[in-house]
All heavy atoms as atom14 arrays in JSON, in Angstrom:
{
  "sequence": "DIFGRIVGLLTGGGFSHVSVSPDLGSDVFYSFNIKGFAVERPLAHSPR",
  "atom14_mask": [
    [1, 1, 1, 1, 1, 1, 1, 1, 0, 0, 0, 0, 0, 0],
    [1, 1, 1, 1, 1, 1, 1, 1, 0, 0, 0, 0, 0, 0],
    [1, 1, 1, 1, 1, 1, 1, 1, 1, 1, 1, 0, 0, 0],
    [1, 1, 1, 1, 0, 0, 0, 0, 0, 0, 0, 0, 0, 0],
    [1, 1, 1, 1, 1, 1, 1, 1, 1, 1, 1, 0, 0, 0],
    [1, 1, 1, 1, 1, 1, 1, 1, 0, 0, 0, 0, 0, 0],
    [1, 1, 1, 1, 1, 1, 1, 0, 0, 0, 0, 0, 0, 0],
    [1, 1, 1, 1, 0, 0, 0, 0, 0, 0, 0, 0, 0, 0],
    [1, 1, 1, 1, 1, 1, 1, 1, 0, 0, 0, 0, 0, 0],
    [1, 1, 1, 1, 1, 1, 1, 1, 0, 0, 0, 0, 0, 0],
    [1, 1, 1, 1, 1, 1, 1, 0, 0, 0, 0, 0, 0, 0],
    [1, 1, 1, 1, 0, 0, 0, 0, 0, 0, 0, 0, 0, 0],
    [1, 1, 1, 1, 0, 0, 0, 0, 0, 0, 0, 0, 0, 0],
    [1, 1, 1, 1, 0, 0, 0, 0, 0, 0, 0, 0, 0, 0],
    [1, 1, 1, 1, 1, 1, 1, 1, 1, 1, 1, 0, 0, 0],
    [1, 1, 1, 1, 1, 1, 0, 0, 0, 0, 0, 0, 0, 0],
    [1, 1, 1, 1, 1, 1, 1, 1, 1, 1, 0, 0, 0, 0],
    [1, 1, 1, 1, 1, 1, 1, 0, 0, 0, 0, 0, 0, 0],
    [1, 1, 1, 1, 1, 1, 0, 0, 0, 0, 0, 0, 0, 0],
    [1, 1, 1, 1, 1, 1, 1, 0, 0, 0, 0, 0, 0, 0],
    [1, 1, 1, 1, 1, 1, 0, 0, 0, 0, 0, 0, 0, 0],
    [1, 1, 1, 1, 1, 1, 1, 0, 0, 0, 0, 0, 0, 0],
    [1, 1, 1, 1, 1, 1, 1, 1, 0, 0, 0, 0, 0, 0],
    [1, 1, 1, 1, 1, 1, 1, 1, 0, 0, 0, 0, 0, 0],
    [1, 1, 1, 1, 0, 0, 0, 0, 0, 0, 0, 0, 0, 0],
    [1, 1, 1, 1, 1, 1, 0, 0, 0, 0, 0, 0, 0, 0],
    [1, 1, 1, 1, 1, 1, 1, 1, 0, 0, 0, 0, 0, 0],
    [1, 1, 1, 1, 1, 1, 1, 0, 0, 0, 0, 0, 0, 0],
    [1, 1, 1, 1, 1, 1, 1, 1, 1, 1, 1, 0, 0, 0],
    [1, 1, 1, 1, 1, 1, 1, 1, 1, 1, 1, 1, 0, 0],
    [1, 1, 1, 1, 1, 1, 0, 0, 0, 0, 0, 0, 0, 0],
    [1, 1, 1, 1, 1, 1, 1, 1, 1, 1, 1, 0, 0, 0],
    [1, 1, 1, 1, 1, 1, 1, 1, 0, 0, 0, 0, 0, 0],
    [1, 1, 1, 1, 1, 1, 1, 1, 0, 0, 0, 0, 0, 0],
    [1, 1, 1, 1, 1, 1, 1, 1, 1, 0, 0, 0, 0, 0],
    [1, 1, 1, 1, 0, 0, 0, 0, 0, 0, 0, 0, 0, 0],
    [1, 1, 1, 1, 1, 1, 1, 1, 1, 1, 1, 0, 0, 0],
    [1, 1, 1, 1, 1, 0, 0, 0, 0, 0, 0, 0, 0, 0],
    [1, 1, 1, 1, 1, 1, 1, 0, 0, 0, 0, 0, 0, 0],
    [1, 1, 1, 1, 1, 1, 1, 1, 1, 0, 0, 0, 0, 0],
    [1, 1, 1, 1, 1, 1, 1, 1, 1, 1, 1, 0, 0, 0],
    [1, 1, 1, 1, 1, 1, 1, 0, 0, 0, 0, 0, 0, 0],
    [1, 1, 1, 1, 1, 1, 1, 1, 0, 0, 0, 0, 0, 0],
    [1, 1, 1, 1, 1, 0, 0, 0, 0, 0, 0, 0, 0, 0],
    [1, 1, 1, 1, 1, 1, 1, 1, 1, 1, 0, 0, 0, 0],
    [1, 1, 1, 1, 1, 1, 0, 0, 0, 0, 0, 0, 0, 0],
    [1, 1, 1, 1, 1, 1, 1, 0, 0, 0, 0, 0, 0, 0],
    [1, 1, 1, 1, 1, 1, 1, 1, 1, 1, 1, 0, 0, 0]
  ],
  "atom14_positions": [
    [[1.81, -4.39, -0.37], [2.86, -4.95, 0.47], [2.33, -4.83, 1.95], [1.42, -4.23, 2.23], [4.15, -4.05, 0.24], [3.89, -2.62, 0.5], [2.82, -2.1, 0.06], [4.75, -2.0, 1.23], [0.0, 0.0, 0.0], [0.0, 0.0, 0.0], [0.0, 0.0, 0.0], [0.0, 0.0, 0.0], [0.0, 0.0, 0.0], [0.0, 0.0, 0.0]],
    [[3.15, -5.51, 2.81], [2.81, -5.52, 4.27], [2.54, -4.32, 4.78], [1.67, -3.94, 5.48], [3.84, -6.44, 5.05], [3.84, -7.74, 4.52], [3.51, -6.37, 6.6], [4.89, -8.78, 5.15], [0.0, 0.0, 0.0], [0.0, 0.0, 0.0], [0.0, 0.0, 0.0], [0.0, 0.0, 0.0], [0.0, 0.0, 0.0], [0.0, 0.0, 0.0]],
    [[3.48, -3.23, 4.51], [3.54, -1.98, 5.09], [2.29, -1.33, 4.65], [1.48, -0.69, 5.4], [4.78, -1.13, 4.62], [4.71, 0.23, 5.16], [5.13, 0.46, 6.46], [4.45, 1.39, 4.3], [5.16, 1.77, 6.93], [4.48, 2.65, 4.84], [4.83, 2.83, 6.13], [0.0, 0.0, 0.0], [0.0, 0.0, 0.0], [0.0, 0.0, 0.0]],
    [[1.87, -1.32, 3.32], [0.69, -0.66, 2.81], [-0.52, -1.28, 3.42], [-1.43, -0.55, 3.72], [0.0, 0.0, 0.0], [0.0, 0.0, 0.0], [0.0, 0.0, 0.0], [0.0, 0.0, 0.0], [0.0, 0.0, 0.0], [0.0, 0.0, 0.0], [0.0, 0.0, 0.0], [0.0, 0.0, 0.0], [0.0, 0.0, 0.0], [0.0, 0.0, 0.0]],
    [[-0.67, -2.46, 3.52], [-1.82, -2.99, 4.18], [-1.98, -2.75, 5.67], [-3.08, -2.37, 6.13], [-1.76, -4.63, 4.02], [-1.99, -5.14, 2.64], [-1.98, -6.64, 2.5], [-2.19, -7.2, 1.18], [-3.25, -7.23, 0.55], [-4.38, -6.87, 1.12], [-3.26, -7.77, -0.76], [0.0, 0.0, 0.0], [0.0, 0.0, 0.0], [0.0, 0.0, 0.0]],
    [[-0.93, -2.72, 6.41], [-0.93, -2.3, 7.78], [-1.46, -0.84, 7.87], [-2.33, -0.49, 8.69], [0.42, -2.41, 8.51], [0.72, -3.94, 8.63], [0.34, -1.75, 9.88], [2.1, -4.21, 9.15], [0.0, 0.0, 0.0], [0.0, 0.0, 0.0], [0.0, 0.0, 0.0], [0.0, 0.0, 0.0], [0.0, 0.0, 0.0], [0.0, 0.0, 0.0]],
    [[-0.94, 0.13, 7.05], [-1.33, 1.41, 7.03], [-2.73, 1.6, 6.83], [-3.42, 2.36, 7.39], [-0.37, 2.3, 6.09], [-0.97, 3.64, 6.04], [1.01, 2.22, 6.49], [0.0, 0.0, 0.0], [0.0, 0.0, 0.0], [0.0, 0.0, 0.0], [0.0, 0.0, 0.0], [0.0, 0.0, 0.0], [0.0, 0.0, 0.0], [0.0, 0.0, 0.0]],
    [[-3.19, 0.89, 5.77], [-4.62, 1.01, 5.35], [-5.56, 0.57, 6.46], [-6.55, 1.17, 6.75], [0.0, 0.0, 0.0], [0.0, 0.0, 0.0], [0.0, 0.0, 0.0], [0.0, 0.0, 0.0], [0.0, 0.0, 0.0], [0.0, 0.0, 0.0], [0.0, 0.0, 0.0], [0.0, 0.0, 0.0], [0.0, 0.0, 0.0], [0.0, 0.0, 0.0]],
    [[-5.12, -0.59, 7.25], [-6.0, -1.07, 8.19], [-6.1, -0.11, 9.46], [-7.11, 0.12, 10.04], [-5.45, -2.44, 8.68], [-5.71, -3.54, 7.71], [-5.09, -4.82, 8.19], [-7.24, -3.89, 7.57], [0.0, 0.0, 0.0], [0.0, 0.0, 0.0], [0.0, 0.0, 0.0], [0.0, 0.0, 0.0], [0.0, 0.0, 0.0], [0.0, 0.0, 0.0]],
    [[-4.92, 0.36, 9.8], [-4.75, 1.28, 10.96], [-5.43, 2.64, 10.74], [-5.9, 3.29, 11.65], [-3.3, 1.54, 11.36], [-2.64, 0.25, 11.85], [-1.07, 0.64, 12.08], [-3.32, -0.23, 13.27], [0.0, 0.0, 0.0], [0.0, 0.0, 0.0], [0.0, 0.0, 0.0], [0.0, 0.0, 0.0], [0.0, 0.0, 0.0], [0.0, 0.0, 0.0]],
    [[-5.46, 3.14, 9.47], [-6.03, 4.5, 9.12], [-7.54, 4.35, 8.93], [-8.21, 5.36, 8.87], [-5.37, 5.19, 8.07], [-5.41, 4.3, 6.81], [-3.74, 5.33, 8.4], [0.0, 0.0, 0.0], [0.0, 0.0, 0.0], [0.0, 0.0, 0.0], [0.0, 0.0, 0.0], [0.0, 0.0, 0.0], [0.0, 0.0, 0.0], [0.0, 0.0, 0.0]],
    [[-8.01, 3.19, 8.71], [-9.46, 3.01, 8.48], [-9.91, 3.33, 7.06], [-11.05, 3.01, 6.67], [0.0, 0.0, 0.0], [0.0, 0.0, 0.0], [0.0, 0.0, 0.0], [0.0, 0.0, 0.0], [0.0, 0.0, 0.0], [0.0, 0.0, 0.0], [0.0, 0.0, 0.0], [0.0, 0.0, 0.0], [0.0, 0.0, 0.0], [0.0, 0.0, 0.0]],
    [[-9.15, 4.15, 6.3], [-9.53, 4.48, 5.02], [-9.11, 3.62, 3.88], [-9.56, 3.69, 2.8], [0.0, 0.0, 0.0], [0.0, 0.0, 0.0], [0.0, 0.0, 0.0], [0.0, 0.0, 0.0], [0.0, 0.0, 0.0], [0.0, 0.0, 0.0], [0.0, 0.0, 0.0], [0.0, 0.0, 0.0], [0.0, 0.0, 0.0], [0.0, 0.0, 0.0]],
    [[-8.25, 2.68, 4.1], [-7.75, 1.76, 3.11], [-6.49, 2.31, 2.31], [-5.9, 1.61, 1.51], [0.0, 0.0, 0.0], [0.0, 0.0, 0.0], [0.0, 0.0, 0.0], [0.0, 0.0, 0.0], [0.0, 0.0, 0.0], [0.0, 0.0, 0.0], [0.0, 0.0, 0.0], [0.0, 0.0, 0.0], [0.0, 0.0, 0.0], [0.0, 0.0, 0.0]],
    [[-6.31, 3.68, 2.37], [-5.36, 4.33, 1.63], [-3.96, 4.33, 2.34], [-3.91, 4.73, 3.49], [-5.72, 5.7, 1.09], [-6.83, 5.73, 0.23], [-8.17, 6.24, 0.73], [-6.82, 5.25, -1.05], [-9.26, 6.19, -0.08], [-8.02, 5.28, -1.83], [-9.12, 5.78, -1.31], [0.0, 0.0, 0.0], [0.0, 0.0, 0.0], [0.0, 0.0, 0.0]],
    [[-2.9, 4.04, 1.77], [-1.59, 3.92, 2.34], [-0.71, 4.99, 1.9], [0.46, 5.16, 2.3], [-0.95, 2.64, 2.27], [-0.91, 2.19, 0.95], [0.0, 0.0, 0.0], [0.0, 0.0, 0.0], [0.0, 0.0, 0.0], [0.0, 0.0, 0.0], [0.0, 0.0, 0.0], [0.0, 0.0, 0.0], [0.0, 0.0, 0.0], [0.0, 0.0, 0.0]],
    [[-1.0, 5.75, 0.82], [-0.19, 6.82, 0.22], [-0.93, 7.86, -0.34], [-2.17, 7.74, -0.78], [0.58, 6.12, -0.89], [1.64, 7.08, -1.46], [2.73, 7.44, -0.73], [1.85, 7.57, -2.61], [3.53, 8.25, -1.46], [2.98, 8.3, -2.75], [0.0, 0.0, 0.0], [0.0, 0.0, 0.0], [0.0, 0.0, 0.0], [0.0, 0.0, 0.0]],
    [[-0.53, 9.13, -0.22], [-1.13, 10.34, -0.81], [-0.01, 11.14, -1.49], [1.11, 11.27, -1.0], [-1.9, 11.09, 0.24], [-0.93, 11.62, 1.31], [-2.69, 12.3, -0.44], [0.0, 0.0, 0.0], [0.0, 0.0, 0.0], [0.0, 0.0, 0.0], [0.0, 0.0, 0.0], [0.0, 0.0, 0.0], [0.0, 0.0, 0.0], [0.0, 0.0, 0.0]],
    [[-0.27, 11.83, -2.62], [0.55, 12.7, -3.21], [-0.15, 13.81, -3.86], [-1.41, 13.77, -3.85], [1.23, 11.91, -4.42], [0.3, 11.29, -5.25], [0.0, 0.0, 0.0], [0.0, 0.0, 0.0], [0.0, 0.0, 0.0], [0.0, 0.0, 0.0], [0.0, 0.0, 0.0], [0.0, 0.0, 0.0], [0.0, 0.0, 0.0], [0.0, 0.0, 0.0]],
    [[0.53, 14.96, -4.19], [-0.18, 16.18, -4.57], [0.32, 16.71, -5.83], [1.53, 16.52, -6.21], [0.13, 17.34, -3.43], [1.61, 17.64, -3.24], [-0.61, 18.55, -3.82], [0.0, 0.0, 0.0], [0.0, 0.0, 0.0], [0.0, 0.0, 0.0], [0.0, 0.0, 0.0], [0.0, 0.0, 0.0], [0.0, 0.0, 0.0], [0.0, 0.0, 0.0]],
    [[-0.48, 17.27, -6.66], [-0.15, 17.78, -8.01], [-0.74, 19.21, -8.1], [-1.88, 19.43, -7.86], [-0.61, 16.95, -9.15], [-0.43, 17.55, -10.4], [0.0, 0.0, 0.0], [0.0, 0.0, 0.0], [0.0, 0.0, 0.0], [0.0, 0.0, 0.0], [0.0, 0.0, 0.0], [0.0, 0.0, 0.0], [0.0, 0.0, 0.0], [0.0, 0.0, 0.0]],
    [[0.16, 20.2, -8.53], [-0.44, 21.56, -8.84], [-0.87, 21.69, -10.3], [-1.39, 22.69, -10.68], [0.82, 22.5, -8.57], [1.92, 21.55, -9.1], [1.56, 20.19, -8.7], [0.0, 0.0, 0.0], [0.0, 0.0, 0.0], [0.0, 0.0, 0.0], [0.0, 0.0, 0.0], [0.0, 0.0, 0.0], [0.0, 0.0, 0.0], [0.0, 0.0, 0.0]],
    [[-0.74, 20.55, -11.05], [-1.1, 20.64, -12.42], [-1.52, 19.19, -12.79], [-0.69, 18.34, -13.31], [0.09, 21.08, -13.4], [-0.27, 21.08, -14.83], [-1.5, 21.0, -15.11], [0.66, 21.24, -15.62], [0.0, 0.0, 0.0], [0.0, 0.0, 0.0], [0.0, 0.0, 0.0], [0.0, 0.0, 0.0], [0.0, 0.0, 0.0], [0.0, 0.0, 0.0]],
    [[-2.79, 18.88, -12.8], [-3.25, 17.47, -12.98], [-3.07, 17.07, -14.54], [-2.8, 15.91, -14.7], [-4.72, 17.45, -12.74], [-5.39, 15.96, -12.81], [-4.67, 14.95, -11.93], [-6.87, 16.01, -12.47], [0.0, 0.0, 0.0], [0.0, 0.0, 0.0], [0.0, 0.0, 0.0], [0.0, 0.0, 0.0], [0.0, 0.0, 0.0], [0.0, 0.0, 0.0]],
    [[-3.06, 17.93, -15.4], [-2.87, 17.65, -16.79], [-1.51, 17.23, -17.07], [-1.31, 16.55, -18.16], [0.0, 0.0, 0.0], [0.0, 0.0, 0.0], [0.0, 0.0, 0.0], [0.0, 0.0, 0.0], [0.0, 0.0, 0.0], [0.0, 0.0, 0.0], [0.0, 0.0, 0.0], [0.0, 0.0, 0.0], [0.0, 0.0, 0.0], [0.0, 0.0, 0.0]],
    [[-0.54, 17.29, -16.23], [0.86, 16.95, -16.44], [1.23, 15.52, -16.01], [2.19, 14.93, -16.4], [1.92, 17.94, -15.77], [1.67, 17.79, -14.35], [0.0, 0.0, 0.0], [0.0, 0.0, 0.0], [0.0, 0.0, 0.0], [0.0, 0.0, 0.0], [0.0, 0.0, 0.0], [0.0, 0.0, 0.0], [0.0, 0.0, 0.0], [0.0, 0.0, 0.0]],
    [[0.31, 14.86, -15.24], [0.46, 13.66, -14.73], [1.81, 13.55, -13.88], [2.53, 12.64, -13.96], [0.6, 12.49, -15.77], [0.84, 11.03, -15.12], [0.24, 10.82, -14.09], [1.46, 10.23, -15.91], [0.0, 0.0, 0.0], [0.0, 0.0, 0.0], [0.0, 0.0, 0.0], [0.0, 0.0, 0.0], [0.0, 0.0, 0.0], [0.0, 0.0, 0.0]],
    [[2.1, 14.63, -13.08], [3.23, 14.61, -12.22], [2.71, 15.03, -10.82], [2.05, 15.94, -10.6], [4.23, 15.73, -12.7], [5.38, 15.83, -11.66], [4.83, 15.38, -14.01], [0.0, 0.0, 0.0], [0.0, 0.0, 0.0], [0.0, 0.0, 0.0], [0.0, 0.0, 0.0], [0.0, 0.0, 0.0], [0.0, 0.0, 0.0], [0.0, 0.0, 0.0]],
    [[2.97, 14.06, -9.92], [2.6, 14.28, -8.43], [3.91, 14.24, -7.66], [4.9, 13.71, -8.01], [1.68, 13.13, -8.08], [0.23, 13.26, -8.58], [0.04, 12.85, -9.98], [-0.75, 13.69, -7.83], [-1.23, 12.97, -10.47], [-2.04, 13.85, -8.31], [-2.38, 13.4, -9.59], [0.0, 0.0, 0.0], [0.0, 0.0, 0.0], [0.0, 0.0, 0.0]],
    [[3.78, 14.85, -6.41], [4.93, 14.93, -5.52], [4.57, 14.39, -4.21], [3.43, 14.62, -3.68], [5.36, 16.42, -5.4], [5.7, 17.02, -6.69], [4.63, 17.7, -7.39], [7.09, 16.95, -7.15], [5.0, 18.31, -8.61], [7.24, 17.52, -8.38], [6.3, 18.23, -9.06], [6.63, 18.81, -10.36], [0.0, 0.0, 0.0], [0.0, 0.0, 0.0]],
    [[5.51, 13.65, -3.64], [5.23, 13.03, -2.33], [6.51, 12.56, -1.72], [7.66, 12.86, -2.19], [4.26, 11.8, -2.49], [3.86, 11.42, -1.22], [0.0, 0.0, 0.0], [0.0, 0.0, 0.0], [0.0, 0.0, 0.0], [0.0, 0.0, 0.0], [0.0, 0.0, 0.0], [0.0, 0.0, 0.0], [0.0, 0.0, 0.0], [0.0, 0.0, 0.0]],
    [[6.53, 11.66, -0.68], [7.61, 11.0, -0.15], [7.31, 9.51, -0.03], [6.21, 9.02, 0.14], [7.83, 11.45, 1.38], [8.78, 12.6, 1.4], [8.37, 13.96, 1.11], [10.07, 12.48, 1.89], [9.19, 14.96, 1.23], [10.96, 13.56, 2.01], [10.54, 14.79, 1.66], [0.0, 0.0, 0.0], [0.0, 0.0, 0.0], [0.0, 0.0, 0.0]],
    [[8.44, 8.68, -0.38], [8.27, 7.32, -0.24], [9.39, 6.83, 0.46], [10.2, 7.67, 1.07], [8.12, 6.49, -1.52], [9.19, 6.88, -2.53], [10.35, 7.08, -2.11], [8.95, 6.75, -3.72], [0.0, 0.0, 0.0], [0.0, 0.0, 0.0], [0.0, 0.0, 0.0], [0.0, 0.0, 0.0], [0.0, 0.0, 0.0], [0.0, 0.0, 0.0]],
    [[9.64, 5.61, 0.66], [10.7, 4.98, 1.43], [12.1, 5.41, 1.03], [13.09, 5.43, 1.77], [10.59, 3.37, 1.38], [11.29, 2.82, 2.6], [11.22, 2.93, 0.06], [10.67, 3.06, 3.89], [0.0, 0.0, 0.0], [0.0, 0.0, 0.0], [0.0, 0.0, 0.0], [0.0, 0.0, 0.0], [0.0, 0.0, 0.0], [0.0, 0.0, 0.0]],
    [[12.2, 5.95, -0.25], [13.48, 6.37, -0.69], [13.74, 7.93, -0.44], [14.8, 8.46, -0.69], [13.72, 6.11, -2.23], [13.7, 4.66, -2.55], [13.78, 4.4, -4.02], [13.83, 2.92, -4.28], [13.9, 2.62, -5.85], [0.0, 0.0, 0.0], [0.0, 0.0, 0.0], [0.0, 0.0, 0.0], [0.0, 0.0, 0.0], [0.0, 0.0, 0.0]],
    [[12.71, 8.56, -0.08], [12.85, 10.15, 0.18], [11.81, 10.87, -0.66], [10.73, 10.29, -1.09], [0.0, 0.0, 0.0], [0.0, 0.0, 0.0], [0.0, 0.0, 0.0], [0.0, 0.0, 0.0], [0.0, 0.0, 0.0], [0.0, 0.0, 0.0], [0.0, 0.0, 0.0], [0.0, 0.0, 0.0], [0.0, 0.0, 0.0], [0.0, 0.0, 0.0]],
    [[12.18, 12.01, -1.02], [11.35, 12.95, -1.83], [11.16, 12.23, -3.2], [12.1, 11.86, -3.85], [11.86, 14.31, -2.0], [11.06, 15.26, -2.76], [9.78, 15.69, -2.37], [11.5, 15.46, -4.11], [9.05, 16.51, -3.19], [10.67, 16.39, -4.91], [9.5, 16.95, -4.45], [0.0, 0.0, 0.0], [0.0, 0.0, 0.0], [0.0, 0.0, 0.0]],
    [[9.8, 12.22, -3.72], [9.54, 11.57, -4.91], [8.77, 12.31, -5.92], [7.82, 12.97, -5.51], [8.79, 10.31, -4.54], [0.0, 0.0, 0.0], [0.0, 0.0, 0.0], [0.0, 0.0, 0.0], [0.0, 0.0, 0.0], [0.0, 0.0, 0.0], [0.0, 0.0, 0.0], [0.0, 0.0, 0.0], [0.0, 0.0, 0.0], [0.0, 0.0, 0.0]],
    [[9.11, 12.22, -7.18], [8.41, 12.86, -8.28], [7.65, 11.69, -8.92], [8.32, 10.83, -9.38], [9.34, 13.51, -9.36], [8.32, 14.14, -10.37], [9.97, 14.69, -8.65], [0.0, 0.0, 0.0], [0.0, 0.0, 0.0], [0.0, 0.0, 0.0], [0.0, 0.0, 0.0], [0.0, 0.0, 0.0], [0.0, 0.0, 0.0], [0.0, 0.0, 0.0]],
    [[6.45, 11.59, -8.86], [5.63, 10.34, -9.22], [4.83, 10.73, -10.55], [4.13, 11.76, -10.71], [4.63, 9.87, -8.12], [5.4, 9.66, -6.99], [4.49, 9.34, -5.71], [3.22, 9.57, -5.89], [4.92, 8.88, -4.65], [0.0, 0.0, 0.0], [0.0, 0.0, 0.0], [0.0, 0.0, 0.0], [0.0, 0.0, 0.0], [0.0, 0.0, 0.0]],
    [[4.75, 9.69, -11.35], [3.99, 9.69, -12.66], [3.09, 8.5, -12.59], [3.47, 7.44, -13.27], [4.84, 9.77, -13.84], [5.67, 11.02, -13.91], [6.61, 11.0, -15.23], [7.18, 12.34, -15.43], [8.34, 12.65, -14.82], [8.9, 11.78, -14.12], [8.86, 13.88, -15.21], [0.0, 0.0, 0.0], [0.0, 0.0, 0.0], [0.0, 0.0, 0.0]],
    [[2.01, 8.53, -11.95], [1.09, 7.36, -11.79], [0.52, 6.75, -12.97], [0.29, 5.46, -13.0], [0.02, 7.91, -10.85], [-0.06, 9.33, -11.04], [1.39, 9.72, -11.22], [0.0, 0.0, 0.0], [0.0, 0.0, 0.0], [0.0, 0.0, 0.0], [0.0, 0.0, 0.0], [0.0, 0.0, 0.0], [0.0, 0.0, 0.0], [0.0, 0.0, 0.0]],
    [[0.38, 7.45, -14.06], [-0.17, 6.94, -15.39], [1.03, 6.34, -16.19], [0.7, 5.46, -16.96], [-0.9, 8.0, -16.18], [-2.07, 8.71, -15.41], [-2.8, 9.55, -16.43], [-3.08, 7.61, -14.79], [0.0, 0.0, 0.0], [0.0, 0.0, 0.0], [0.0, 0.0, 0.0], [0.0, 0.0, 0.0], [0.0, 0.0, 0.0], [0.0, 0.0, 0.0]],
    [[2.08, 6.83, -16.11], [3.37, 6.32, -16.84], [3.97, 5.19, -16.22], [4.56, 4.3, -16.84], [4.31, 7.41, -17.07], [0.0, 0.0, 0.0], [0.0, 0.0, 0.0], [0.0, 0.0, 0.0], [0.0, 0.0, 0.0], [0.0, 0.0, 0.0], [0.0, 0.0, 0.0], [0.0, 0.0, 0.0], [0.0, 0.0, 0.0], [0.0, 0.0, 0.0]],
    [[3.92, 5.06, -14.85], [4.52, 3.95, -14.13], [3.54, 3.38, -13.2], [2.96, 3.97, -12.34], [5.55, 4.56, -13.19], [6.42, 3.58, -12.41], [7.07, 2.5, -12.98], [6.53, 3.42, -11.06], [7.59, 1.68, -12.01], [7.3, 2.3, -10.81], [0.0, 0.0, 0.0], [0.0, 0.0, 0.0], [0.0, 0.0, 0.0], [0.0, 0.0, 0.0]],
    [[3.39, 2.01, -13.33], [2.34, 1.21, -12.49], [3.06, 0.15, -11.8], [3.34, -0.97, -12.27], [1.31, 0.75, -13.49], [0.35, -0.05, -12.69], [0.0, 0.0, 0.0], [0.0, 0.0, 0.0], [0.0, 0.0, 0.0], [0.0, 0.0, 0.0], [0.0, 0.0, 0.0], [0.0, 0.0, 0.0], [0.0, 0.0, 0.0], [0.0, 0.0, 0.0]],
    [[3.46, 0.41, -10.41], [4.01, -0.58, -9.62], [3.14, -1.86, -9.52], [2.02, -1.69, -9.44], [4.41, 0.1, -8.31], [4.26, 1.52, -8.71], [3.27, 1.65, -9.7], [0.0, 0.0, 0.0], [0.0, 0.0, 0.0], [0.0, 0.0, 0.0], [0.0, 0.0, 0.0], [0.0, 0.0, 0.0], [0.0, 0.0, 0.0], [0.0, 0.0, 0.0]],
    [[3.82, -3.01, -9.51], [3.02, -4.27, -9.25], [2.12, -4.23, -8.07], [1.09, -4.8, -7.91], [3.76, -5.43, -9.26], [4.52, -5.7, -10.66], [5.32, -7.04, -10.63], [5.93, -7.33, -11.91], [6.75, -8.34, -11.98], [7.07, -9.28, -11.04], [7.36, -8.6, -13.2], [0.0, 0.0, 0.0], [0.0, 0.0, 0.0], [0.0, 0.0, 0.0]]
  ]
}
């Protein structure tokens, strides 16, 4: 999306989002997105 591309360009690293997991085997990460605090499952849910 436009926001993601702008962030990637401005930060120089290409990445527009980061999340953290205390247990990689659970496929549960925590972060913030436009809706607020988010519990993310990147392997179970793949946004277009």
